[in-house]
Amino acid sequence: MWICLNDSFLSIVDKGDPSGDTLLVRARREGDIGRVFPEAVVSINSGSDYAYRARLPRERVVARIAEAVRRIDYGNFKATVAERRRHDVYMDIWSVLARDQDGTRGR
């Protein structure tokens, strides 16, 4: 699952914890995981597609993402992204998805 927050971009996956109790939270940029999960122990692997990673309890991840949803108080997400570089990346994502929408109309 990709999560775009106004100050963090996260990829959250289940990488085979047999108990199912943990998820792997990944980020491409330093600090993104810590802004959402300040208690996380983040490992760095610059040779990986996501350089920053942390294993976290599934229920903690669920609670923090739910908390982010509860805090939504805006009518336009992109307008809340203060950092210019992040805003521009999110606009690129928005543009690609808008093209996909246009390509599916009438099907």
C-alpha atoms as a PDB file:
ATOM      1  CA  MET A   1       0.000   0.000   0.000  1.00  0.00           C
ATOM      2  CA  TRP A   2       1.295   3.416  -0.859  1.00  0.00           C
ATOM      3  CA  ILE A   3       0.431   6.185   1.566  1.00  0.00           C
ATOM      4  CA  CYS A   4       0.917   9.797   0.515  1.00  0.00           C
ATOM      5  CA  LEU A   5       0.792  12.087   3.520  1.00  0.00           C
ATOM      6  CA  ASN A   6       1.500  15.795   3.282  1.00  0.00           C
ATOM      7  CA  ASP A   7       4.898  15.243   4.940  1.00  0.00           C
ATOM      8  CA  SER A   8       5.716  11.581   4.200  1.00  0.00           C
ATOM      9  CA  PHE A   9       5.461   8.960   1.490  1.00  0.00           C
ATOM     10  CA  LEU A  10       5.312   5.375   2.752  1.00  0.00           C
ATOM     11  CA  SER A  11       5.085   1.936   1.215  1.00  0.00           C
ATOM     12  CA  ILE A  12       3.594  -0.603   3.611  1.00  0.00           C
ATOM     13  CA  VAL A  13       3.857  -4.314   2.873  1.00  0.00           C
ATOM     14  CA  ASP A  14       3.691  -7.712   4.534  1.00  0.00           C
ATOM     15  CA  LYS A  15       7.057  -9.331   3.947  1.00  0.00           C
ATOM     16  CA  GLY A  16       6.228 -12.739   5.320  1.00  0.00           C
ATOM     17  CA  ASP A  17       6.159 -12.433   9.088  1.00  0.00           C
ATOM     18  CA  PRO A  18       4.802 -15.912   9.934  1.00  0.00           C
ATOM     19  CA  SER A  19       2.747 -14.524  12.815  1.00  0.00           C
ATOM     20  CA  GLY A  20       1.293 -11.741  10.664  1.00  0.00           C
ATOM     21  CA  ASP A  21       1.888  -9.354  13.541  1.00  0.00           C
ATOM     22  CA  THR A  22       4.334  -6.997  11.812  1.00  0.00           C
ATOM     23  CA  LEU A  23       4.425  -4.985   8.636  1.00  0.00           C
ATOM     24  CA  LEU A  24       7.377  -3.551   6.783  1.00  0.00           C
ATOM     25  CA  VAL A  25       7.119   0.211   6.421  1.00  0.00           C
ATOM     26  CA  ARG A  26       9.389   1.565   3.701  1.00  0.00           C
ATOM     27  CA  ALA A  27      10.319   5.041   2.519  1.00  0.00           C
ATOM     28  CA  ARG A  28      12.521   6.553  -0.148  1.00  0.00           C
ATOM     29  CA  ARG A  29      13.420   9.653   1.837  1.00  0.00           C
ATOM     30  CA  GLU A  30      15.131   9.995   5.177  1.00  0.00           C
ATOM     31  CA  GLY A  31      12.772  11.066   7.949  1.00  0.00           C
ATOM     32  CA  ASP A  32       9.509  10.008   6.317  1.00  0.00           C
ATOM     33  CA  ILE A  33       9.052   6.930   8.513  1.00  0.00           C
ATOM     34  CA  GLY A  34      10.039   8.796  11.667  1.00  0.00           C
ATOM     35  CA  ARG A  35       7.506  11.560  11.082  1.00  0.00           C
ATOM     36  CA  VAL A  36       4.701   9.008  11.227  1.00  0.00           C
ATOM     37  CA  PHE A  37       6.311   6.453  13.546  1.00  0.00           C
ATOM     38  CA  PRO A  38       8.758   8.307  15.835  1.00  0.00           C
ATOM     39  CA  GLU A  39       9.402   5.122  17.821  1.00  0.00           C
ATOM     40  CA  ALA A  40      10.547   3.177  14.736  1.00  0.00           C
ATOM     41  CA  VAL A  41      14.042   1.784  14.436  1.00  0.00           C
ATOM     42  CA  VAL A  42      14.807   2.602  10.814  1.00  0.00           C
ATOM     43  CA  SER A  43      17.421   0.663   8.895  1.00  0.00           C
ATOM     44  CA  ILE A  44      19.152   2.062   5.835  1.00  0.00           C
ATOM     45  CA  ASN A  45      19.925   0.025   2.740  1.00  0.00           C
ATOM     46  CA  SER A  46      20.954   2.340  -0.078  1.00  0.00           C
ATOM     47  CA  GLY A  47      21.076  -0.589  -2.536  1.00  0.00           C
ATOM     48  CA  SER A  48      17.358  -1.255  -2.181  1.00  0.00           C
ATOM     49  CA  ASP A  49      14.377   0.233  -3.985  1.00  0.00           C
ATOM     50  CA  TYR A  50      13.296   1.776  -0.669  1.00  0.00           C
ATOM     51  CA  ALA A  51      16.394   2.877   1.223  1.00  0.00           C
ATOM     52  CA  TYR A  52      14.635   3.287   4.591  1.00  0.00           C
ATOM     53  CA  ARG A  53      12.783   0.446   6.300  1.00  0.00           C
ATOM     54  CA  ALA A  54      11.246  -0.396   9.644  1.00  0.00           C
ATOM     55  CA  ARG A  55       9.366  -3.446  10.921  1.00  0.00           C
ATOM     56  CA  LEU A  56       6.460  -2.327  13.044  1.00  0.00           C
ATOM     57  CA  PRO A  57       3.550  -4.008  14.800  1.00  0.00           C
ATOM     58  CA  ARG A  58       0.619  -4.259  12.389  1.00  0.00           C
ATOM     59  CA  GLU A  59      -1.792  -2.757  14.913  1.00  0.00           C
ATOM     60  CA  ARG A  60       0.512   0.250  15.435  1.00  0.00           C
ATOM     61  CA  VAL A  61       0.594   0.864  11.682  1.00  0.00           C
ATOM     62  CA  VAL A  62      -3.196   0.555  11.485  1.00  0.00           C
ATOM     63  CA  ALA A  63      -3.639   2.992  14.391  1.00  0.00           C
ATOM     64  CA  ARG A  64      -1.276   5.638  12.975  1.00  0.00           C
ATOM     65  CA  ILE A  65      -2.752   5.547   9.473  1.00  0.00           C
ATOM     66  CA  ALA A  66      -6.278   5.699  10.923  1.00  0.00           C
ATOM     67  CA  GLU A  67      -5.168   8.684  13.019  1.00  0.00           C
ATOM     68  CA  ALA A  68      -3.912  10.444   9.889  1.00  0.00           C
ATOM     69  CA  VAL A  69      -7.296   9.877   8.241  1.00  0.00           C
ATOM     70  CA  ARG A  70      -9.138  11.242  11.290  1.00  0.00           C
ATOM     71  CA  ARG A  71      -7.015  14.430  11.159  1.00  0.00           C
ATOM     72  CA  ILE A  72      -8.039  15.313   7.585  1.00  0.00           C
ATOM     73  CA  ASP A  73      -9.371  18.866   7.708  1.00  0.00           C
ATOM     74  CA  TYR A  74      -8.733  20.056   4.167  1.00  0.00           C
ATOM     75  CA  GLY A  75     -10.583  20.117   0.870  1.00  0.00           C
ATOM     76  CA  ASN A  76      -7.463  19.849  -1.299  1.00  0.00           C
ATOM     77  CA  PHE A  77      -4.648  17.503  -0.290  1.00  0.00           C
ATOM     78  CA  LYS A  78      -2.023  18.922  -2.669  1.00  0.00           C
ATOM     79  CA  ALA A  79      -2.479  22.382  -1.167  1.00  0.00           C
ATOM     80  CA  THR A  80      -1.354  21.037   2.240  1.00  0.00           C
ATOM     81  CA  VAL A  81       2.018  19.783   1.000  1.00  0.00           C
ATOM     82  CA  ALA A  82       4.376  22.531   2.136  1.00  0.00           C
ATOM     83  CA  GLU A  83       7.666  21.134   0.853  1.00  0.00           C
ATOM     84  CA  ARG A  84       8.027  22.126  -2.801  1.00  0.00           C
ATOM     85  CA  ARG A  85       9.938  19.042  -3.966  1.00  0.00           C
ATOM     86  CA  ARG A  86       7.403  16.682  -2.359  1.00  0.00           C
ATOM     87  CA  HIS A  87       4.529  18.728  -3.797  1.00  0.00           C
ATOM     88  CA  ASP A  88       6.020  18.441  -7.285  1.00  0.00           C
ATOM     89  CA  VAL A  89       6.459  14.666  -6.937  1.00  0.00           C
ATOM     90  CA  TYR A  90       2.858  14.303  -5.794  1.00  0.00           C
ATOM     91  CA  MET A  91       1.734  16.423  -8.751  1.00  0.00           C
ATOM     92  CA  ASP A  92       3.583  14.008 -11.042  1.00  0.00           C
ATOM     93  CA  ILE A  93       1.731  11.095  -9.426  1.00  0.00           C
ATOM     94  CA  TRP A  94      -1.575  12.983  -9.725  1.00  0.00           C
ATOM     95  CA  SER A  95      -0.919  13.646 -13.408  1.00  0.00           C
ATOM     96  CA  VAL A  96      -0.158  10.003 -14.218  1.00  0.00           C
ATOM     97  CA  LEU A  97      -3.295   8.852 -12.429  1.00  0.00           C
ATOM     98  CA  ALA A  98      -5.374  11.532 -14.193  1.00  0.00           C
ATOM     99  CA  ARG A  99      -4.173  10.156 -17.538  1.00  0.00           C
ATOM    100  CA  ASP A 100      -5.199   6.683 -16.430  1.00  0.00           C
ATOM    101  CA  GLN A 101      -8.665   7.965 -15.525  1.00  0.00           C
ATOM    102  CA  ASP A 102      -9.012   9.617 -18.916  1.00  0.00           C
ATOM    103  CA  GLY A 103      -8.001   6.363 -20.593  1.00  0.00           C
ATOM    104  CA  THR A 104     -10.729   4.397 -18.831  1.00  0.00           C
ATOM    105  CA  ARG A 105     -13.706   6.645 -19.583  1.00  0.00           C
ATOM    106  CA  GLY A 106     -16.363   5.037 -21.677  1.00  0.00           C
ATOM    107  CA  ARG A 107     -15.263   1.474 -20.995  1.00  0.00           C
END
